[in-house]
Amino acid sequence: MTEAAPDLDRLLDEAIDLVIRLQNDPGNPVAVEMIRAWRARGPAHEQIWARIASAHGMAGKVLTDRRKAEQRAALGLSRRNLVIGGAIGLGAVGAGSLMMSDALLQPRADHRTAKGEIRQVALPDGSMATLGPDSALALAYGPGERRVTLLQGMAFFEVAPDAARPFRVQTGYLAATALGTAFDVSSDAGIVTVSVDHGLVEARVPDSALVSGERLGAGDWMAFDAASQSLDRGRREAGQVAMWRDRLIVAEQEPVSALIARIGRWLPGRIVVAGSLSGSQKVSGLFDLRDPARALDAVVHPTGGHVRRISSFLTVISAF
């Protein structure tokens, strides 16, 4: 039996958390021991840590005593620029892991977009899909059904009427079925949102609060969190559905984690949430995606969080 490949995204997140812990208290022996134990867990751990170390000429060694901490200060290696430099060294690892994910996604997707790209797609039945950034669709049309799978991201559908073939969008466990309607579906940080521009849509999730289906009319929206099995509902004003097509997000008491994921589709590279930032806190507002970095900062600011654009590969959000 071959050993499973390491989850490099997860290891990167762990390494950044360890760096931040060490920065908070450079002389703390507990932090130093945690780093040593983490590095000893395997070659992938050591490789990632070596990239952080080499970014500052540390030659794979951890800053273990006050003298080294003083040397670091004398060299201008502050708490802020240590994490910046370390993350730049890790950029290639993060990009590589994302490329592997793309390689797995590519064979399944019939239509894909890049970060920041919005594209209109004509579907085989005459329906139209507007695909949001960093999103992917798979199509499965048959004699009795028109099925579209939203593999990731967001899409707005303008459905051509066909009473004999229901139009169904599947994302995760949720299926949204419509006849002659226009609606938006997005999947962000495990939260699936369905918003209806006009017509009727039925959303259904097996073995959940949506097992019997939720009917949504014009202006209605619902958000389903698969992890907590929670369901939120509300209404939007006319014209506010899928405003991301105009590079705007209208949020009404939406979880910070979902908004970070959604705005992140306009930012190149990865977004890492470090520390104790509360992604479950809910915020409202209008966010301009023409400046996604500023929009991201506006989302996390009410939580006490801060956004640091480390490089083209990485943005770090932390609670300090």
C-alpha atoms as a PDB file:
ATOM      1  CA  MET A   1       0.000   0.000   0.000  1.00  0.00           C
ATOM      2  CA  THR A   2       1.358   3.410  -0.935  1.00  0.00           C
ATOM      3  CA  GLU A   3       1.302   6.246   1.558  1.00  0.00           C
ATOM      4  CA  ALA A   4      -1.201   9.006   0.836  1.00  0.00           C
ATOM      5  CA  ALA A   5       0.277  12.205  -0.524  1.00  0.00           C
ATOM      6  CA  PRO A   6       0.480  14.977   2.082  1.00  0.00           C
ATOM      7  CA  ASP A   7      -2.073  17.781   2.000  1.00  0.00           C
ATOM      8  CA  LEU A   8       0.335  20.622   1.240  1.00  0.00           C
ATOM      9  CA  ASP A   9      -2.323  23.301   1.699  1.00  0.00           C
ATOM     10  CA  ARG A  10      -2.946  22.041   5.248  1.00  0.00           C
ATOM     11  CA  LEU A  11       0.792  21.818   6.010  1.00  0.00           C
ATOM     12  CA  LEU A  12       1.290  25.355   4.742  1.00  0.00           C
ATOM     13  CA  ASP A  13      -1.463  26.606   7.051  1.00  0.00           C
ATOM     14  CA  GLU A  14       0.088  24.757  10.008  1.00  0.00           C
ATOM     15  CA  ALA A  15       3.548  26.151   9.251  1.00  0.00           C
ATOM     16  CA  ILE A  16       2.256  29.719   9.058  1.00  0.00           C
ATOM     17  CA  ASP A  17       0.456  29.272  12.396  1.00  0.00           C
ATOM     18  CA  LEU A  18       3.711  28.037  13.950  1.00  0.00           C
ATOM     19  CA  VAL A  19       5.639  30.997  12.544  1.00  0.00           C
ATOM     20  CA  ILE A  20       3.065  33.396  13.993  1.00  0.00           C
ATOM     21  CA  ARG A  21       3.227  31.606  17.366  1.00  0.00           C
ATOM     22  CA  LEU A  22       7.032  31.938  17.408  1.00  0.00           C
ATOM     23  CA  GLN A  23       6.833  35.597  16.423  1.00  0.00           C
ATOM     24  CA  ASN A  24       4.506  36.344  19.314  1.00  0.00           C
ATOM     25  CA  ASP A  25       7.118  35.060  21.778  1.00  0.00           C
ATOM     26  CA  PRO A  26      10.513  34.273  20.182  1.00  0.00           C
ATOM     27  CA  GLY A  27      12.039  32.924  23.386  1.00  0.00           C
ATOM     28  CA  ASN A  28       9.154  30.614  24.307  1.00  0.00           C
ATOM     29  CA  PRO A  29      10.543  27.036  24.620  1.00  0.00           C
ATOM     30  CA  VAL A  30       7.059  25.564  24.099  1.00  0.00           C
ATOM     31  CA  ALA A  31       6.786  27.196  20.670  1.00  0.00           C
ATOM     32  CA  VAL A  32      10.290  26.022  19.769  1.00  0.00           C
ATOM     33  CA  GLU A  33       9.497  22.452  20.824  1.00  0.00           C
ATOM     34  CA  MET A  34       6.228  22.491  18.863  1.00  0.00           C
ATOM     35  CA  ILE A  35       8.155  23.494  15.747  1.00  0.00           C
ATOM     36  CA  ARG A  36      10.747  20.765  16.272  1.00  0.00           C
ATOM     37  CA  ALA A  37       8.042  18.133  16.737  1.00  0.00           C
ATOM     38  CA  TRP A  38       6.155  19.376  13.687  1.00  0.00           C
ATOM     39  CA  ARG A  39       9.258  19.295  11.479  1.00  0.00           C
ATOM     40  CA  ALA A  40      10.011  15.743  12.616  1.00  0.00           C
ATOM     41  CA  ARG A  41       6.663  14.425  11.390  1.00  0.00           C
ATOM     42  CA  GLY A  42       7.871  13.855   7.831  1.00  0.00           C
ATOM     43  CA  PRO A  43       9.885  15.076   4.854  1.00  0.00           C
ATOM     44  CA  ALA A  44       7.066  17.289   3.575  1.00  0.00           C
ATOM     45  CA  HIS A  45       6.933  19.099   6.938  1.00  0.00           C
ATOM     46  CA  GLU A  46      10.704  19.608   6.899  1.00  0.00           C
ATOM     47  CA  GLN A  47      10.657  20.827   3.289  1.00  0.00           C
ATOM     48  CA  ILE A  48       8.024  23.451   4.014  1.00  0.00           C
ATOM     49  CA  TRP A  49       9.781  24.632   7.153  1.00  0.00           C
ATOM     50  CA  ALA A  50      13.099  24.792   5.290  1.00  0.00           C
ATOM     51  CA  ARG A  51      11.528  27.237   2.850  1.00  0.00           C
ATOM     52  CA  ILE A  52      10.497  29.493   5.735  1.00  0.00           C
ATOM     53  CA  ALA A  53      13.946  29.197   7.290  1.00  0.00           C
ATOM     54  CA  SER A  54      15.878  29.855   4.082  1.00  0.00           C
ATOM     55  CA  ALA A  55      13.845  32.999   3.447  1.00  0.00           C
ATOM     56  CA  HIS A  56      15.822  34.596   6.289  1.00  0.00           C
ATOM     57  CA  GLY A  57      19.104  32.707   6.066  1.00  0.00           C
ATOM     58  CA  MET A  58      18.222  30.599   9.109  1.00  0.00           C
ATOM     59  CA  ALA A  59      19.728  27.459   7.517  1.00  0.00           C
ATOM     60  CA  GLY A  60      16.905  25.305   8.858  1.00  0.00           C
ATOM     61  CA  LYS A  61      17.460  26.360  12.471  1.00  0.00           C
ATOM     62  CA  VAL A  62      14.834  27.783  14.790  1.00  0.00           C
ATOM     63  CA  LEU A  63      15.487  30.970  16.720  1.00  0.00           C
ATOM     64  CA  THR A  64      15.951  29.394  20.136  1.00  0.00           C
ATOM     65  CA  ASP A  65      17.463  31.992  22.427  1.00  0.00           C
ATOM     66  CA  ARG A  66      17.305  35.682  23.212  1.00  0.00           C
ATOM     67  CA  ARG A  67      20.582  36.421  21.435  1.00  0.00           C
ATOM     68  CA  LYS A  68      19.205  35.127  18.174  1.00  0.00           C
ATOM     69  CA  ALA A  69      16.045  37.106  18.774  1.00  0.00           C
ATOM     70  CA  GLU A  70      18.203  40.197  19.262  1.00  0.00           C
ATOM     71  CA  GLN A  71      20.121  39.428  16.073  1.00  0.00           C
ATOM     72  CA  ARG A  72      16.866  39.104  14.234  1.00  0.00           C
ATOM     73  CA  ALA A  73      15.766  42.502  15.531  1.00  0.00           C
ATOM     74  CA  ALA A  74      19.112  44.049  14.569  1.00  0.00           C
ATOM     75  CA  LEU A  75      18.709  42.694  11.038  1.00  0.00           C
ATOM     76  CA  GLY A  76      15.252  44.226  10.769  1.00  0.00           C
ATOM     77  CA  LEU A  77      13.472  40.852  10.875  1.00  0.00           C
ATOM     78  CA  SER A  78      10.362  42.075  12.611  1.00  0.00           C
ATOM     79  CA  ARG A  79       7.322  40.001  13.469  1.00  0.00           C
ATOM     80  CA  ARG A  80       5.586  41.388  10.386  1.00  0.00           C
ATOM     81  CA  ASN A  81       8.359  40.947   7.820  1.00  0.00           C
ATOM     82  CA  LEU A  82       9.301  37.480   9.106  1.00  0.00           C
ATOM     83  CA  VAL A  83       5.896  36.154   8.209  1.00  0.00           C
ATOM     84  CA  ILE A  84       6.015  38.077   4.930  1.00  0.00           C
ATOM     85  CA  GLY A  85       9.423  36.701   3.969  1.00  0.00           C
ATOM     86  CA  GLY A  86       8.554  33.208   5.081  1.00  0.00           C
ATOM     87  CA  ALA A  87       5.346  33.230   3.113  1.00  0.00           C
ATOM     88  CA  ILE A  88       7.155  34.384  -0.021  1.00  0.00           C
ATOM     89  CA  GLY A  89       9.427  31.382   0.334  1.00  0.00           C
ATOM     90  CA  LEU A  90       6.361  29.175   0.623  1.00  0.00           C
ATOM     91  CA  GLY A  91       4.649  30.639  -2.406  1.00  0.00           C
ATOM     92  CA  ALA A  92       5.827  27.926  -4.772  1.00  0.00           C
ATOM     93  CA  VAL A  93       4.571  25.178  -2.460  1.00  0.00           C
ATOM     94  CA  GLY A  94       1.127  26.764  -2.242  1.00  0.00           C
ATOM     95  CA  ALA A  95       0.940  27.258  -5.990  1.00  0.00           C
ATOM     96  CA  GLY A  96       1.996  23.679  -6.622  1.00  0.00           C
ATOM     97  CA  SER A  97      -0.713  22.254  -4.406  1.00  0.00           C
ATOM     98  CA  LEU A  98      -3.304  24.414  -6.133  1.00  0.00           C
ATOM     99  CA  MET A  99      -2.100  23.149  -9.493  1.00  0.00           C
ATOM    100  CA  MET A 100      -2.648  19.573  -8.322  1.00  0.00           C
ATOM    101  CA  SER A 101      -6.201  20.468  -7.356  1.00  0.00           C
ATOM    102  CA  ASP A 102      -6.683  22.013 -10.793  1.00  0.00           C
ATOM    103  CA  ALA A 103      -5.368  18.856 -12.401  1.00  0.00           C
ATOM    104  CA  LEU A 104      -8.020  16.829 -10.599  1.00  0.00           C
ATOM    105  CA  LEU A 105     -10.736  19.328 -11.494  1.00  0.00           C
ATOM    106  CA  GLN A 106      -9.855  19.737 -15.160  1.00  0.00           C
ATOM    107  CA  PRO A 107     -11.139  16.359 -16.464  1.00  0.00           C
ATOM    108  CA  ARG A 108     -14.538  16.896 -14.779  1.00  0.00           C
ATOM    109  CA  ALA A 109     -15.230  20.456 -15.899  1.00  0.00           C
ATOM    110  CA  ASP A 110     -16.880  21.373 -19.184  1.00  0.00           C
ATOM    111  CA  HIS A 111     -16.468  25.090 -18.482  1.00  0.00           C
ATOM    112  CA  ARG A 112     -13.996  26.875 -16.179  1.00  0.00           C
ATOM    113  CA  THR A 113     -12.927  30.382 -15.330  1.00  0.00           C
ATOM    114  CA  ALA A 114      -9.746  31.813 -13.870  1.00  0.00           C
ATOM    115  CA  LYS A 115      -9.424  34.122 -10.873  1.00  0.00           C
ATOM    116  CA  GLY A 116     -11.104  37.446 -11.605  1.00  0.00           C
ATOM    117  CA  GLU A 117     -12.716  36.163 -14.825  1.00  0.00           C
ATOM    118  CA  ILE A 118     -16.471  36.323 -15.545  1.00  0.00           C
ATOM    119  CA  ARG A 119     -17.720  34.450 -18.609  1.00  0.00           C
ATOM    120  CA  GLN A 120     -21.071  33.822 -20.274  1.00  0.00           C
ATOM    121  CA  VAL A 121     -21.663  30.255 -21.441  1.00  0.00           C
ATOM    122  CA  ALA A 122     -24.406  29.159 -23.850  1.00  0.00           C
ATOM    123  CA  LEU A 123     -25.787  25.801 -22.670  1.00  0.00           C
ATOM    124  CA  PRO A 124     -26.986  23.103 -25.098  1.00  0.00           C
ATOM    125  CA  ASP A 125     -30.708  23.722 -24.417  1.00  0.00           C
ATOM    126  CA  GLY A 126     -30.595  27.460 -25.070  1.00  0.00           C
ATOM    127  CA  SER A 127     -30.154  28.391 -21.401  1.00  0.00           C
ATOM    128  CA  MET A 128     -27.382  30.806 -20.446  1.00  0.00           C
ATOM    129  CA  ALA A 129     -24.932  30.528 -17.561  1.00  0.00           C
ATOM    130  CA  THR A 130     -22.796  33.393 -16.314  1.00  0.00           C
ATOM    131  CA  LEU A 131     -19.838  31.768 -14.627  1.00  0.00           C
ATOM    132  CA  GLY A 132     -18.131  33.670 -11.815  1.00  0.00           C
ATOM    133  CA  PRO A 133     -14.374  33.765 -11.196  1.00  0.00           C
ATOM    134  CA  ASP A 134     -12.490  30.605 -10.220  1.00  0.00           C
ATOM    135  CA  SER A 135     -15.603  28.539 -10.972  1.00  0.00           C
ATOM    136  CA  ALA A 136     -16.331  25.331 -12.846  1.00  0.00           C
ATOM    137  CA  LEU A 137     -19.372  23.614 -14.379  1.00  0.00           C
ATOM    138  CA  ALA A 138     -20.001  20.061 -15.570  1.00  0.00           C
ATOM    139  CA  LEU A 139     -22.965  19.295 -17.864  1.00  0.00           C
ATOM    140  CA  ALA A 140     -25.084  16.126 -18.071  1.00  0.00           C
ATOM    141  CA  TYR A 141     -28.061  16.516 -20.408  1.00  0.00           C
ATOM    142  CA  GLY A 142     -30.423  13.632 -21.107  1.00  0.00           C
ATOM    143  CA  PRO A 143     -33.917  12.928 -22.503  1.00  0.00           C
ATOM    144  CA  GLY A 144     -35.643  13.585 -19.165  1.00  0.00           C
ATOM    145  CA  GLU A 145     -33.313  15.998 -17.358  1.00  0.00           C
ATOM    146  CA  ARG A 146     -30.954  18.927 -17.782  1.00  0.00           C
ATOM    147  CA  ARG A 147     -28.371  18.587 -15.028  1.00  0.00           C
ATOM    148  CA  VAL A 148     -25.557  21.022 -14.317  1.00  0.00           C
ATOM    149  CA  THR A 149     -23.011  20.417 -11.555  1.00  0.00           C
ATOM    150  CA  LEU A 150     -21.385  23.481 -10.015  1.00  0.00           C
ATOM    151  CA  LEU A 151     -18.023  21.940  -9.133  1.00  0.00           C
ATOM    152  CA  GLN A 152     -16.831  25.115  -7.442  1.00  0.00           C
ATOM    153  CA  GLY A 153     -17.536  28.821  -7.302  1.00  0.00           C
ATOM    154  CA  MET A 154     -20.651  30.632  -8.493  1.00  0.00           C
ATOM    155  CA  ALA A 155     -22.934  30.857 -11.488  1.00  0.00           C
ATOM    156  CA  PHE A 156     -26.081  32.705 -12.574  1.00  0.00           C
ATOM    157  CA  PHE A 157     -28.503  30.721 -14.735  1.00  0.00           C
ATOM    158  CA  GLU A 158     -31.138  32.032 -17.157  1.00  0.00           C
ATOM    159  CA  VAL A 159     -33.158  28.902 -17.882  1.00  0.00           C
ATOM    160  CA  ALA A 160     -34.895  28.168 -21.174  1.00  0.00           C
ATOM    161  CA  PRO A 161     -38.375  26.730 -20.461  1.00  0.00           C
ATOM    162  CA  ASP A 162     -38.789  22.993 -21.084  1.00  0.00           C
ATOM    163  CA  ALA A 163     -41.572  21.384 -19.038  1.00  0.00           C
ATOM    164  CA  ALA A 164     -40.485  17.885 -20.082  1.00  0.00           C
ATOM    165  CA  ARG A 165     -36.924  18.334 -18.815  1.00  0.00           C
ATOM    166  CA  PRO A 166     -36.411  19.980 -15.409  1.00  0.00           C
ATOM    167  CA  PHE A 167     -33.284  22.126 -15.106  1.00  0.00           C
ATOM    168  CA  ARG A 168     -31.289  21.034 -12.060  1.00  0.00           C
ATOM    169  CA  VAL A 169     -28.118  22.537 -10.586  1.00  0.00           C
ATOM    170  CA  GLN A 170     -26.225  20.286  -8.184  1.00  0.00           C
ATOM    171  CA  THR A 171     -23.486  21.513  -5.861  1.00  0.00           C
ATOM    172  CA  GLY A 172     -22.362  19.267  -3.045  1.00  0.00           C
ATOM    173  CA  TYR A 173     -25.477  17.660  -1.592  1.00  0.00           C
ATOM    174  CA  LEU A 174     -27.789  20.501  -2.609  1.00  0.00           C
ATOM    175  CA  ALA A 175     -29.922  20.331  -5.763  1.00  0.00           C
ATOM    176  CA  ALA A 176     -31.763  23.419  -7.045  1.00  0.00           C
ATOM    177  CA  THR A 177     -34.461  22.654  -9.623  1.00  0.00           C
ATOM    178  CA  ALA A 178     -36.161  25.258 -11.819  1.00  0.00           C
ATOM    179  CA  LEU A 179     -38.473  25.642 -14.819  1.00  0.00           C
ATOM    180  CA  GLY A 180     -38.212  28.829 -16.858  1.00  0.00           C
ATOM    181  CA  THR A 181     -36.476  31.006 -14.299  1.00  0.00           C
ATOM    182  CA  ALA A 182     -33.273  32.898 -13.503  1.00  0.00           C
ATOM    183  CA  PHE A 183     -31.329  32.192 -10.335  1.00  0.00           C
ATOM    184  CA  ASP A 184     -27.900  32.319  -8.751  1.00  0.00           C
ATOM    185  CA  VAL A 185     -26.020  29.507  -6.987  1.00  0.00           C
ATOM    186  CA  SER A 186     -22.751  29.937  -5.098  1.00  0.00           C
ATOM    187  CA  SER A 187     -20.659  27.665  -2.917  1.00  0.00           C
ATOM    188  CA  ASP A 188     -18.308  29.434  -0.509  1.00  0.00           C
ATOM    189  CA  ALA A 189     -16.478  27.834   2.431  1.00  0.00           C
ATOM    190  CA  GLY A 190     -19.024  25.014   2.666  1.00  0.00           C
ATOM    191  CA  ILE A 191     -22.040  27.353   2.537  1.00  0.00           C
ATOM    192  CA  VAL A 192     -24.311  27.064  -0.507  1.00  0.00           C
ATOM    193  CA  THR A 193     -26.478  30.072  -1.356  1.00  0.00           C
ATOM    194  CA  VAL A 194     -29.388  30.111  -3.807  1.00  0.00           C
ATOM    195  CA  SER A 195     -30.957  33.436  -4.867  1.00  0.00           C
ATOM    196  CA  VAL A 196     -33.868  33.791  -7.297  1.00  0.00           C
ATOM    197  CA  ASP A 197     -34.128  36.665  -9.764  1.00  0.00           C
ATOM    198  CA  HIS A 198     -37.490  35.576 -11.176  1.00  0.00           C
ATOM    199  CA  GLY A 199     -39.559  32.404 -11.418  1.00  0.00           C
ATOM    200  CA  LEU A 200     -39.549  29.508  -8.945  1.00  0.00           C
ATOM    201  CA  VAL A 201     -36.737  27.316  -7.669  1.00  0.00           C
ATOM    202  CA  GLU A 202     -36.898  24.345  -5.316  1.00  0.00           C
ATOM    203  CA  ALA A 203     -33.791  23.618  -3.224  1.00  0.00           C
ATOM    204  CA  ARG A 204     -33.406  20.183  -1.665  1.00  0.00           C
ATOM    205  CA  VAL A 205     -30.743  18.408   0.436  1.00  0.00           C
ATOM    206  CA  PRO A 206     -31.228  14.760   1.526  1.00  0.00           C
ATOM    207  CA  ASP A 207     -31.173  14.011   5.277  1.00  0.00           C
ATOM    208  CA  SER A 208     -31.328  17.664   6.299  1.00  0.00           C
ATOM    209  CA  ALA A 209     -33.729  20.500   7.056  1.00  0.00           C
ATOM    210  CA  LEU A 210     -34.152  20.729   3.271  1.00  0.00           C
ATOM    211  CA  VAL A 211     -35.151  17.101   2.766  1.00  0.00           C
ATOM    212  CA  SER A 212     -38.700  18.153   1.830  1.00  0.00           C
ATOM    213  CA  GLY A 213     -37.479  21.015  -0.329  1.00  0.00           C
ATOM    214  CA  GLU A 214     -37.535  24.793   0.030  1.00  0.00           C
ATOM    215  CA  ARG A 215     -39.484  26.786  -2.581  1.00  0.00           C
ATOM    216  CA  LEU A 216     -38.003  30.139  -3.476  1.00  0.00           C
ATOM    217  CA  GLY A 217     -39.713  32.851  -5.509  1.00  0.00           C
ATOM    218  CA  ALA A 218     -38.501  36.109  -7.013  1.00  0.00           C
ATOM    219  CA  GLY A 219     -36.246  37.950  -4.544  1.00  0.00           C
ATOM    220  CA  ASP A 220     -35.966  34.998  -2.148  1.00  0.00           C
ATOM    221  CA  TRP A 221     -32.619  33.644  -1.044  1.00  0.00           C
ATOM    222  CA  MET A 222     -31.464  30.835   1.235  1.00  0.00           C
ATOM    223  CA  ALA A 223     -28.068  29.770   2.552  1.00  0.00           C
ATOM    224  CA  PHE A 224     -27.384  26.229   3.732  1.00  0.00           C
ATOM    225  CA  ASP A 225     -24.350  25.355   5.861  1.00  0.00           C
ATOM    226  CA  ALA A 226     -23.662  21.636   5.454  1.00  0.00           C
ATOM    227  CA  ALA A 227     -21.329  21.497   8.470  1.00  0.00           C
ATOM    228  CA  SER A 228     -23.827  22.894  10.985  1.00  0.00           C
ATOM    229  CA  GLN A 229     -26.967  21.889   9.028  1.00  0.00           C
ATOM    230  CA  SER A 230     -28.203  25.451   9.553  1.00  0.00           C
ATOM    231  CA  LEU A 231     -30.502  27.224   7.123  1.00  0.00           C
ATOM    232  CA  ASP A 232     -30.894  30.994   6.678  1.00  0.00           C
ATOM    233  CA  ARG A 233     -33.538  32.674   4.518  1.00  0.00           C
ATOM    234  CA  GLY A 234     -34.271  36.204   3.388  1.00  0.00           C
ATOM    235  CA  ARG A 235     -35.308  38.502   0.556  1.00  0.00           C
ATOM    236  CA  ARG A 236     -33.386  40.818  -1.717  1.00  0.00           C
ATOM    237  CA  GLU A 237     -34.516  43.911  -3.572  1.00  0.00           C
ATOM    238  CA  ALA A 238     -35.091  43.612  -7.313  1.00  0.00           C
ATOM    239  CA  GLY A 239     -31.786  43.778  -9.161  1.00  0.00           C
ATOM    240  CA  GLN A 240     -29.663  42.657  -6.190  1.00  0.00           C
ATOM    241  CA  VAL A 241     -29.416  38.991  -7.220  1.00  0.00           C
ATOM    242  CA  ALA A 242     -25.972  37.993  -8.521  1.00  0.00           C
ATOM    243  CA  MET A 243     -24.618  41.533  -8.340  1.00  0.00           C
ATOM    244  CA  TRP A 244     -21.153  39.987  -8.534  1.00  0.00           C
ATOM    245  CA  ARG A 245     -21.734  40.154 -12.304  1.00  0.00           C
ATOM    246  CA  ASP A 246     -21.299  43.929 -11.864  1.00  0.00           C
ATOM    247  CA  ARG A 247     -18.409  43.320  -9.458  1.00  0.00           C
ATOM    248  CA  LEU A 248     -20.424  44.075  -6.343  1.00  0.00           C
ATOM    249  CA  ILE A 249     -21.391  41.894  -3.383  1.00  0.00           C
ATOM    250  CA  VAL A 250     -24.463  42.670  -1.302  1.00  0.00           C
ATOM    251  CA  ALA A 251     -24.188  40.848   2.020  1.00  0.00           C
ATOM    252  CA  GLU A 252     -26.995  40.512   4.532  1.00  0.00           C
ATOM    253  CA  GLN A 253     -25.744  38.930   7.737  1.00  0.00           C
ATOM    254  CA  GLU A 254     -23.438  36.543   5.879  1.00  0.00           C
ATOM    255  CA  PRO A 255     -20.651  34.565   7.587  1.00  0.00           C
ATOM    256  CA  VAL A 256     -17.218  36.116   7.280  1.00  0.00           C
ATOM    257  CA  SER A 257     -15.780  32.778   6.101  1.00  0.00           C
ATOM    258  CA  ALA A 258     -18.154  32.666   3.110  1.00  0.00           C
ATOM    259  CA  LEU A 259     -17.411  36.268   2.135  1.00  0.00           C
ATOM    260  CA  ILE A 260     -13.657  35.672   2.379  1.00  0.00           C
ATOM    261  CA  ALA A 261     -14.012  32.705   0.015  1.00  0.00           C
ATOM    262  CA  ARG A 262     -16.230  34.650  -2.411  1.00  0.00           C
ATOM    263  CA  ILE A 263     -14.055  37.763  -2.552  1.00  0.00           C
ATOM    264  CA  GLY A 264     -10.996  35.521  -2.822  1.00  0.00           C
ATOM    265  CA  ARG A 265     -12.157  34.493  -6.298  1.00  0.00           C
ATOM    266  CA  TRP A 266     -11.100  37.967  -7.446  1.00  0.00           C
ATOM    267  CA  LEU A 267      -7.667  37.789  -5.791  1.00  0.00           C
ATOM    268  CA  PRO A 268      -4.781  35.793  -7.294  1.00  0.00           C
ATOM    269  CA  GLY A 269      -3.126  33.142  -5.139  1.00  0.00           C
ATOM    270  CA  ARG A 270      -4.292  31.605  -1.866  1.00  0.00           C
ATOM    271  CA  ILE A 271      -5.945  33.144   1.163  1.00  0.00           C
ATOM    272  CA  VAL A 272      -4.890  31.710   4.524  1.00  0.00           C
ATOM    273  CA  VAL A 273      -6.789  32.509   7.726  1.00  0.00           C
ATOM    274  CA  ALA A 274      -4.327  32.312  10.615  1.00  0.00           C
ATOM    275  CA  GLY A 275      -4.938  32.431  14.334  1.00  0.00           C
ATOM    276  CA  SER A 276      -8.301  32.762  16.045  1.00  0.00           C
ATOM    277  CA  LEU A 277     -10.260  34.873  13.546  1.00  0.00           C
ATOM    278  CA  SER A 278     -13.969  34.051  13.853  1.00  0.00           C
ATOM    279  CA  GLY A 279     -15.235  33.032  10.423  1.00  0.00           C
ATOM    280  CA  SER A 280     -18.713  32.371  11.813  1.00  0.00           C
ATOM    281  CA  GLN A 281     -19.307  36.029  12.712  1.00  0.00           C
ATOM    282  CA  LYS A 282     -21.835  37.617  10.344  1.00  0.00           C
ATOM    283  CA  VAL A 283     -21.506  40.958   8.589  1.00  0.00           C
ATOM    284  CA  SER A 284     -23.589  43.047   6.204  1.00  0.00           C
ATOM    285  CA  GLY A 285     -22.586  45.576   3.610  1.00  0.00           C
ATOM    286  CA  LEU A 286     -21.897  46.450  -0.010  1.00  0.00           C
ATOM    287  CA  PHE A 287     -18.427  45.397  -1.172  1.00  0.00           C
ATOM    288  CA  ASP A 288     -16.793  46.630  -4.381  1.00  0.00           C
ATOM    289  CA  LEU A 289     -14.943  43.829  -6.176  1.00  0.00           C
ATOM    290  CA  ARG A 290     -13.086  46.262  -8.409  1.00  0.00           C
ATOM    291  CA  ASP A 291     -10.751  46.546  -5.403  1.00  0.00           C
ATOM    292  CA  PRO A 292     -10.955  43.037  -3.894  1.00  0.00           C
ATOM    293  CA  ALA A 293      -8.155  43.610  -1.379  1.00  0.00           C
ATOM    294  CA  ARG A 294      -9.997  46.591   0.078  1.00  0.00           C
ATOM    295  CA  ALA A 295     -13.282  44.642   0.040  1.00  0.00           C
ATOM    296  CA  LEU A 296     -11.621  41.797   1.927  1.00  0.00           C
ATOM    297  CA  ASP A 297     -10.285  44.222   4.521  1.00  0.00           C
ATOM    298  CA  ALA A 298     -13.766  45.714   4.964  1.00  0.00           C
ATOM    299  CA  VAL A 299     -15.199  42.232   5.598  1.00  0.00           C
ATOM    300  CA  VAL A 300     -12.702  41.173   8.267  1.00  0.00           C
ATOM    301  CA  HIS A 301     -12.291  44.560   9.966  1.00  0.00           C
ATOM    302  CA  PRO A 302     -15.449  44.198  12.140  1.00  0.00           C
ATOM    303  CA  THR A 303     -13.999  40.943  13.520  1.00  0.00           C
ATOM    304  CA  GLY A 304     -10.746  42.647  14.523  1.00  0.00           C
ATOM    305  CA  GLY A 305      -8.928  40.906  11.676  1.00  0.00           C
ATOM    306  CA  HIS A 306      -6.191  42.268   9.424  1.00  0.00           C
ATOM    307  CA  VAL A 307      -5.344  41.484   5.810  1.00  0.00           C
ATOM    308  CA  ARG A 308      -1.729  41.206   4.647  1.00  0.00           C
ATOM    309  CA  ARG A 309      -0.986  40.740   0.978  1.00  0.00           C
ATOM    310  CA  ILE A 310       2.243  38.759   1.229  1.00  0.00           C
ATOM    311  CA  SER A 311       2.949  38.126  -2.442  1.00  0.00           C
ATOM    312  CA  SER A 312       1.125  37.262  -5.651  1.00  0.00           C
ATOM    313  CA  PHE A 313       0.822  33.769  -4.199  1.00  0.00           C
ATOM    314  CA  LEU A 314      -0.516  34.442  -0.737  1.00  0.00           C
ATOM    315  CA  THR A 315      -2.796  36.689   1.351  1.00  0.00           C
ATOM    316  CA  VAL A 316      -2.814  36.115   5.119  1.00  0.00           C
ATOM    317  CA  ILE A 317      -5.757  37.130   7.308  1.00  0.00           C
ATOM    318  CA  SER A 318      -5.051  37.159  11.017  1.00  0.00           C
ATOM    319  CA  ALA A 319      -6.643  38.382  14.224  1.00  0.00           C
ATOM    320  CA  PHE A 320      -3.776  40.749  15.047  1.00  0.00           C
END
